[in-house]
Amino acid sequence: QVNLVESGGGLVQAGGSLRLSCAASGRSFSMNPMGWFRQATGKEREFVATCDRSGGYTLYADSVKGRFTISRDNAKNTVYLQMNSLKPEDTAVYYCAAQAASTFTSRTRNAYQYWGQGTQVTVSS
């Protein structure tokens, strides 16, 4: 059984930082893109960031570019999201996602077959 487990969420003041982690188990994702999405209350789940299998190629949503950094450690089967200069509008449940077979990064939810349960990030003003 494949599981993605996020950790690192919490409550932080505006301007602060958090680092999210997503540990995968049940199979290796070292050959596949992994990413992060988020869903605020009452809104659709939206793309945040993704990286290719090496972590050398990354894509970001315009709203987080320059503030968030995605990285991965394939030896640990883990992907990270470093979030700096957090804003109240970053408040959401953050989900880790992984592609099953493709090697192409994507901003599209449907490209990802595996999802974590999510971790809450709350940014106070």
N, C-alpha and C. Protein backbone atom coordinates (compact mmCIF):
# COMPACT_ATOMS: atom_id res chain seq x y z
N GLN A 1 0.85 -1.19 0.00
CA GLN A 1 0.00 0.00 0.00
C GLN A 1 0.88 1.24 0.00
N VAL A 2 0.57 2.17 -0.88
CA VAL A 2 1.33 3.40 -0.97
C VAL A 2 0.72 4.46 -0.06
N ASN A 3 1.58 5.11 0.69
CA ASN A 3 1.14 6.19 1.58
C ASN A 3 2.06 7.39 1.43
N LEU A 4 1.45 8.56 1.45
CA LEU A 4 2.17 9.82 1.52
C LEU A 4 1.73 10.51 2.81
N VAL A 5 2.68 10.85 3.64
CA VAL A 5 2.35 11.44 4.94
C VAL A 5 3.05 12.79 5.08
N GLU A 6 2.23 13.84 5.17
CA GLU A 6 2.76 15.18 5.34
C GLU A 6 2.97 15.50 6.82
N SER A 7 3.92 16.38 7.07
CA SER A 7 4.15 16.89 8.42
C SER A 7 4.75 18.28 8.31
N GLY A 8 4.73 19.00 9.43
CA GLY A 8 5.37 20.31 9.48
C GLY A 8 4.44 21.49 9.45
N GLY A 9 3.15 21.23 9.28
CA GLY A 9 2.21 22.34 9.28
C GLY A 9 2.04 22.92 10.67
N GLY A 10 1.32 24.04 10.73
CA GLY A 10 1.08 24.66 12.03
C GLY A 10 0.63 26.09 11.89
N LEU A 11 0.68 26.80 13.01
CA LEU A 11 0.28 28.21 13.07
C LEU A 11 1.54 29.07 13.11
N VAL A 12 1.58 30.09 12.25
CA VAL A 12 2.74 30.96 12.18
C VAL A 12 2.26 32.38 11.90
N GLN A 13 3.01 33.36 12.37
CA GLN A 13 2.66 34.75 12.08
C GLN A 13 3.09 35.12 10.68
N ALA A 14 2.42 36.11 10.13
CA ALA A 14 2.80 36.62 8.81
C ALA A 14 4.27 37.02 8.80
N GLY A 15 4.95 36.66 7.73
CA GLY A 15 6.38 36.91 7.63
C GLY A 15 7.24 35.77 8.10
N GLY A 16 6.63 34.80 8.76
CA GLY A 16 7.36 33.66 9.28
C GLY A 16 7.59 32.57 8.25
N SER A 17 8.16 31.47 8.72
CA SER A 17 8.52 30.36 7.84
C SER A 17 8.05 29.03 8.40
N LEU A 18 7.81 28.10 7.51
CA LEU A 18 7.52 26.72 7.86
C LEU A 18 8.16 25.82 6.82
N ARG A 19 8.50 24.60 7.23
CA ARG A 19 9.01 23.62 6.29
C ARG A 19 8.13 22.38 6.36
N LEU A 20 7.48 22.08 5.26
CA LEU A 20 6.65 20.89 5.17
C LEU A 20 7.47 19.73 4.63
N SER A 21 7.16 18.53 5.13
CA SER A 21 7.79 17.31 4.65
C SER A 21 6.71 16.34 4.21
N CYS A 22 7.04 15.52 3.25
CA CYS A 22 6.12 14.47 2.80
C CYS A 22 6.94 13.21 2.58
N ALA A 23 6.69 12.23 3.44
CA ALA A 23 7.41 10.96 3.36
C ALA A 23 6.53 9.93 2.68
N ALA A 24 7.06 9.31 1.65
CA ALA A 24 6.34 8.30 0.90
C ALA A 24 6.79 6.91 1.33
N SER A 25 5.86 5.98 1.32
CA SER A 25 6.17 4.59 1.63
C SER A 25 5.36 3.69 0.72
N GLY A 26 5.79 2.46 0.57
CA GLY A 26 5.09 1.49 -0.25
C GLY A 26 5.65 1.34 -1.65
N ARG A 27 6.31 2.36 -2.15
CA ARG A 27 7.01 2.31 -3.43
C ARG A 27 7.93 3.51 -3.52
N SER A 28 8.88 3.42 -4.42
CA SER A 28 9.79 4.53 -4.63
C SER A 28 9.23 5.49 -5.68
N PHE A 29 9.42 6.79 -5.44
CA PHE A 29 9.03 7.81 -6.41
C PHE A 29 10.25 8.51 -7.00
N SER A 30 11.40 7.87 -6.90
CA SER A 30 12.64 8.51 -7.34
C SER A 30 12.66 8.80 -8.84
N MET A 31 11.81 8.14 -9.62
CA MET A 31 11.76 8.37 -11.05
C MET A 31 10.60 9.27 -11.47
N ASN A 32 9.83 9.77 -10.53
CA ASN A 32 8.60 10.47 -10.84
C ASN A 32 8.53 11.85 -10.20
N PRO A 33 7.85 12.78 -10.86
CA PRO A 33 7.64 14.09 -10.26
C PRO A 33 6.79 14.00 -9.00
N MET A 34 7.09 14.87 -8.08
CA MET A 34 6.28 15.04 -6.87
C MET A 34 5.97 16.52 -6.71
N GLY A 35 4.88 16.81 -6.00
CA GLY A 35 4.50 18.20 -5.89
C GLY A 35 3.67 18.49 -4.66
N TRP A 36 3.29 19.76 -4.57
CA TRP A 36 2.45 20.25 -3.48
C TRP A 36 1.28 21.03 -4.06
N PHE A 37 0.13 20.81 -3.47
CA PHE A 37 -1.08 21.57 -3.77
C PHE A 37 -1.63 22.09 -2.45
N ARG A 38 -2.56 23.01 -2.52
CA ARG A 38 -3.19 23.51 -1.31
C ARG A 38 -4.65 23.82 -1.58
N GLN A 39 -5.42 23.78 -0.49
CA GLN A 39 -6.85 24.06 -0.60
C GLN A 39 -7.28 24.89 0.58
N ALA A 40 -7.68 26.10 0.31
CA ALA A 40 -8.23 26.97 1.34
C ALA A 40 -9.72 26.69 1.50
N THR A 41 -10.26 27.05 2.63
CA THR A 41 -11.67 26.80 2.92
C THR A 41 -12.54 27.45 1.86
N GLY A 42 -13.42 26.66 1.27
CA GLY A 42 -14.35 27.17 0.28
C GLY A 42 -13.77 27.37 -1.10
N LYS A 43 -12.54 26.94 -1.31
CA LYS A 43 -11.90 27.13 -2.61
C LYS A 43 -11.47 25.79 -3.20
N GLU A 44 -11.15 25.82 -4.50
CA GLU A 44 -10.66 24.64 -5.17
C GLU A 44 -9.22 24.35 -4.75
N ARG A 45 -8.84 23.09 -4.85
CA ARG A 45 -7.45 22.73 -4.60
C ARG A 45 -6.59 23.30 -5.73
N GLU A 46 -5.50 23.97 -5.38
CA GLU A 46 -4.69 24.62 -6.39
C GLU A 46 -3.23 24.18 -6.33
N PHE A 47 -2.60 24.28 -7.45
CA PHE A 47 -1.19 23.93 -7.58
C PHE A 47 -0.32 24.91 -6.82
N VAL A 48 0.72 24.38 -6.17
CA VAL A 48 1.69 25.22 -5.47
C VAL A 48 3.08 25.07 -6.09
N ALA A 49 3.57 23.83 -6.15
CA ALA A 49 4.93 23.61 -6.66
C ALA A 49 5.10 22.15 -7.05
N THR A 50 6.02 21.91 -7.98
CA THR A 50 6.37 20.55 -8.34
C THR A 50 7.84 20.49 -8.75
N CYS A 51 8.41 19.30 -8.69
CA CYS A 51 9.79 19.12 -9.14
C CYS A 51 9.90 17.79 -9.88
N ASP A 52 10.92 17.72 -10.75
CA ASP A 52 11.14 16.49 -11.49
C ASP A 52 11.85 15.47 -10.59
N ARG A 53 12.20 14.34 -11.16
CA ARG A 53 12.72 13.24 -10.35
C ARG A 53 14.02 13.59 -9.64
N SER A 54 14.81 14.48 -10.19
CA SER A 54 16.07 14.84 -9.54
C SER A 54 15.92 16.03 -8.60
N GLY A 55 14.83 16.77 -8.77
CA GLY A 55 14.64 18.01 -8.03
C GLY A 55 15.31 19.20 -8.69
N GLY A 56 15.94 18.96 -9.85
CA GLY A 56 16.66 20.02 -10.52
C GLY A 56 15.78 20.93 -11.36
N TYR A 57 14.62 20.44 -11.74
CA TYR A 57 13.66 21.24 -12.51
C TYR A 57 12.43 21.44 -11.65
N THR A 58 12.05 22.70 -11.46
CA THR A 58 10.93 23.01 -10.59
C THR A 58 9.95 23.97 -11.25
N LEU A 59 8.71 23.91 -10.84
CA LEU A 59 7.67 24.84 -11.27
C LEU A 59 6.95 25.34 -10.03
N TYR A 60 6.55 26.62 -10.09
CA TYR A 60 5.84 27.22 -8.96
C TYR A 60 4.64 28.00 -9.44
N ALA A 61 3.63 28.07 -8.59
CA ALA A 61 2.54 28.99 -8.82
C ALA A 61 3.08 30.41 -8.68
N ASP A 62 2.52 31.32 -9.46
CA ASP A 62 2.98 32.70 -9.40
C ASP A 62 2.84 33.28 -7.99
N SER A 63 1.84 32.85 -7.28
CA SER A 63 1.56 33.41 -5.95
C SER A 63 2.63 33.05 -4.92
N VAL A 64 3.43 32.01 -5.18
CA VAL A 64 4.43 31.59 -4.20
C VAL A 64 5.85 31.72 -4.72
N LYS A 65 6.00 32.06 -5.98
CA LYS A 65 7.33 32.14 -6.59
C LYS A 65 8.19 33.14 -5.85
N GLY A 66 9.41 32.73 -5.53
CA GLY A 66 10.33 33.59 -4.80
C GLY A 66 10.21 33.46 -3.29
N ARG A 67 9.15 32.82 -2.81
CA ARG A 67 8.96 32.65 -1.36
C ARG A 67 9.04 31.18 -0.94
N PHE A 68 8.57 30.29 -1.81
CA PHE A 68 8.55 28.86 -1.51
C PHE A 68 9.61 28.14 -2.33
N THR A 69 10.16 27.07 -1.74
CA THR A 69 11.14 26.25 -2.45
C THR A 69 10.82 24.78 -2.24
N ILE A 70 10.69 24.06 -3.35
CA ILE A 70 10.46 22.62 -3.29
C ILE A 70 11.79 21.90 -3.48
N SER A 71 11.96 20.81 -2.75
CA SER A 71 13.16 19.99 -2.88
C SER A 71 12.80 18.55 -2.54
N ARG A 72 13.72 17.64 -2.82
CA ARG A 72 13.43 16.24 -2.53
C ARG A 72 14.72 15.52 -2.17
N ASP A 73 14.54 14.43 -1.41
CA ASP A 73 15.63 13.53 -1.05
C ASP A 73 15.18 12.13 -1.46
N ASN A 74 15.65 11.66 -2.59
CA ASN A 74 15.19 10.36 -3.10
C ASN A 74 15.64 9.20 -2.22
N ALA A 75 16.75 9.37 -1.54
CA ALA A 75 17.20 8.31 -0.63
C ALA A 75 16.21 8.11 0.51
N LYS A 76 15.51 9.18 0.86
CA LYS A 76 14.51 9.11 1.93
C LYS A 76 13.10 9.04 1.38
N ASN A 77 12.96 9.08 0.05
CA ASN A 77 11.63 9.04 -0.59
C ASN A 77 10.75 10.16 -0.04
N THR A 78 11.33 11.34 0.08
CA THR A 78 10.68 12.47 0.75
C THR A 78 10.81 13.73 -0.10
N VAL A 79 9.74 14.51 -0.10
CA VAL A 79 9.73 15.81 -0.75
C VAL A 79 9.45 16.88 0.31
N TYR A 80 10.03 18.05 0.11
CA TYR A 80 9.90 19.13 1.08
C TYR A 80 9.34 20.39 0.43
N LEU A 81 8.77 21.24 1.25
CA LEU A 81 8.35 22.56 0.79
C LEU A 81 8.77 23.57 1.85
N GLN A 82 9.79 24.35 1.54
CA GLN A 82 10.22 25.42 2.43
C GLN A 82 9.41 26.66 2.10
N MET A 83 8.71 27.18 3.09
CA MET A 83 7.82 28.32 2.89
C MET A 83 8.33 29.50 3.72
N ASN A 84 8.73 30.55 3.05
CA ASN A 84 9.22 31.75 3.72
C ASN A 84 8.29 32.93 3.43
N SER A 85 8.43 33.97 4.22
CA SER A 85 7.64 35.19 4.03
C SER A 85 6.16 34.86 3.89
N LEU A 86 5.68 34.06 4.79
CA LEU A 86 4.30 33.59 4.70
C LEU A 86 3.31 34.74 4.87
N LYS A 87 2.19 34.61 4.16
CA LYS A 87 1.13 35.62 4.17
C LYS A 87 -0.16 34.96 4.64
N PRO A 88 -1.08 35.74 5.17
CA PRO A 88 -2.37 35.16 5.58
C PRO A 88 -3.06 34.41 4.44
N GLU A 89 -2.89 34.86 3.21
CA GLU A 89 -3.53 34.18 2.08
C GLU A 89 -2.89 32.83 1.75
N ASP A 90 -1.79 32.48 2.42
CA ASP A 90 -1.21 31.15 2.27
C ASP A 90 -1.91 30.13 3.17
N THR A 91 -2.81 30.58 4.01
CA THR A 91 -3.54 29.68 4.89
C THR A 91 -4.34 28.67 4.08
N ALA A 92 -4.12 27.39 4.35
CA ALA A 92 -4.77 26.32 3.60
C ALA A 92 -4.33 24.98 4.16
N VAL A 93 -4.98 23.94 3.69
CA VAL A 93 -4.48 22.59 3.89
C VAL A 93 -3.55 22.28 2.72
N TYR A 94 -2.35 21.85 3.03
CA TYR A 94 -1.35 21.56 2.01
C TYR A 94 -1.25 20.06 1.80
N TYR A 95 -1.32 19.67 0.54
CA TYR A 95 -1.30 18.27 0.16
C TYR A 95 -0.06 17.95 -0.66
N CYS A 96 0.55 16.83 -0.34
CA CYS A 96 1.64 16.28 -1.12
C CYS A 96 1.03 15.38 -2.19
N ALA A 97 1.66 15.35 -3.36
CA ALA A 97 1.17 14.51 -4.45
C ALA A 97 2.34 13.90 -5.21
N ALA A 98 2.09 12.73 -5.81
CA ALA A 98 3.13 12.06 -6.58
C ALA A 98 2.52 11.43 -7.83
N GLN A 99 3.29 11.44 -8.91
CA GLN A 99 2.84 10.80 -10.13
C GLN A 99 3.26 9.34 -10.13
N ALA A 100 2.42 8.51 -10.73
CA ALA A 100 2.66 7.07 -10.70
C ALA A 100 3.69 6.61 -11.71
N ALA A 101 3.63 7.17 -12.92
CA ALA A 101 4.46 6.62 -13.98
C ALA A 101 5.16 7.67 -14.84
N SER A 102 4.56 8.85 -14.95
CA SER A 102 5.13 9.87 -15.83
C SER A 102 6.43 10.42 -15.27
N THR A 103 7.22 10.99 -16.19
CA THR A 103 8.44 11.68 -15.77
C THR A 103 8.35 13.17 -16.04
N PHE A 104 7.17 13.63 -16.49
CA PHE A 104 6.97 15.03 -16.82
C PHE A 104 6.29 15.77 -15.69
N THR A 105 6.84 16.91 -15.31
CA THR A 105 6.22 17.71 -14.26
C THR A 105 4.91 18.30 -14.79
N SER A 106 4.00 18.58 -13.89
CA SER A 106 2.70 19.10 -14.29
C SER A 106 2.11 19.95 -13.18
N ARG A 107 1.37 20.99 -13.57
CA ARG A 107 0.62 21.82 -12.63
C ARG A 107 -0.80 21.30 -12.42
N THR A 108 -1.15 20.24 -13.13
CA THR A 108 -2.53 19.76 -13.16
C THR A 108 -2.76 18.68 -12.12
N ARG A 109 -3.85 18.82 -11.36
CA ARG A 109 -4.18 17.85 -10.32
C ARG A 109 -4.30 16.45 -10.88
N ASN A 110 -4.91 16.31 -12.04
CA ASN A 110 -5.18 14.99 -12.60
C ASN A 110 -3.93 14.22 -12.99
N ALA A 111 -2.80 14.90 -13.06
CA ALA A 111 -1.54 14.23 -13.40
C ALA A 111 -0.98 13.42 -12.24
N TYR A 112 -1.53 13.64 -11.04
CA TYR A 112 -1.00 13.01 -9.84
C TYR A 112 -1.95 11.93 -9.34
N GLN A 113 -1.42 10.75 -9.14
CA GLN A 113 -2.25 9.61 -8.78
C GLN A 113 -2.24 9.33 -7.27
N TYR A 114 -1.22 9.80 -6.58
CA TYR A 114 -1.11 9.53 -5.15
C TYR A 114 -1.15 10.85 -4.38
N TRP A 115 -1.89 10.84 -3.27
CA TRP A 115 -2.09 12.05 -2.48
C TRP A 115 -1.95 11.74 -1.00
N GLY A 116 -1.42 12.71 -0.27
CA GLY A 116 -1.40 12.60 1.18
C GLY A 116 -2.72 13.09 1.76
N GLN A 117 -2.81 13.03 3.08
CA GLN A 117 -4.03 13.44 3.77
C GLN A 117 -4.07 14.93 4.04
N GLY A 118 -2.94 15.59 3.91
CA GLY A 118 -2.91 17.03 4.08
C GLY A 118 -2.43 17.47 5.46
N THR A 119 -1.86 18.66 5.50
CA THR A 119 -1.43 19.26 6.76
C THR A 119 -1.86 20.73 6.75
N GLN A 120 -2.41 21.17 7.87
CA GLN A 120 -2.96 22.53 7.95
C GLN A 120 -1.83 23.55 8.17
N VAL A 121 -1.87 24.60 7.38
CA VAL A 121 -0.99 25.75 7.57
C VAL A 121 -1.87 26.97 7.79
N THR A 122 -1.67 27.62 8.92
CA THR A 122 -2.45 28.82 9.24
C THR A 122 -1.48 29.97 9.49
N VAL A 123 -1.69 31.05 8.75
CA VAL A 123 -0.83 32.23 8.88
C VAL A 123 -1.67 33.36 9.44
N SER A 124 -1.29 33.84 10.60
CA SER A 124 -2.04 34.92 11.25
C SER A 124 -1.45 36.27 10.87
N SER A 125 -2.32 37.27 10.82
CA SER A 125 -1.88 38.62 10.43
C SER A 125 -1.44 39.43 11.63
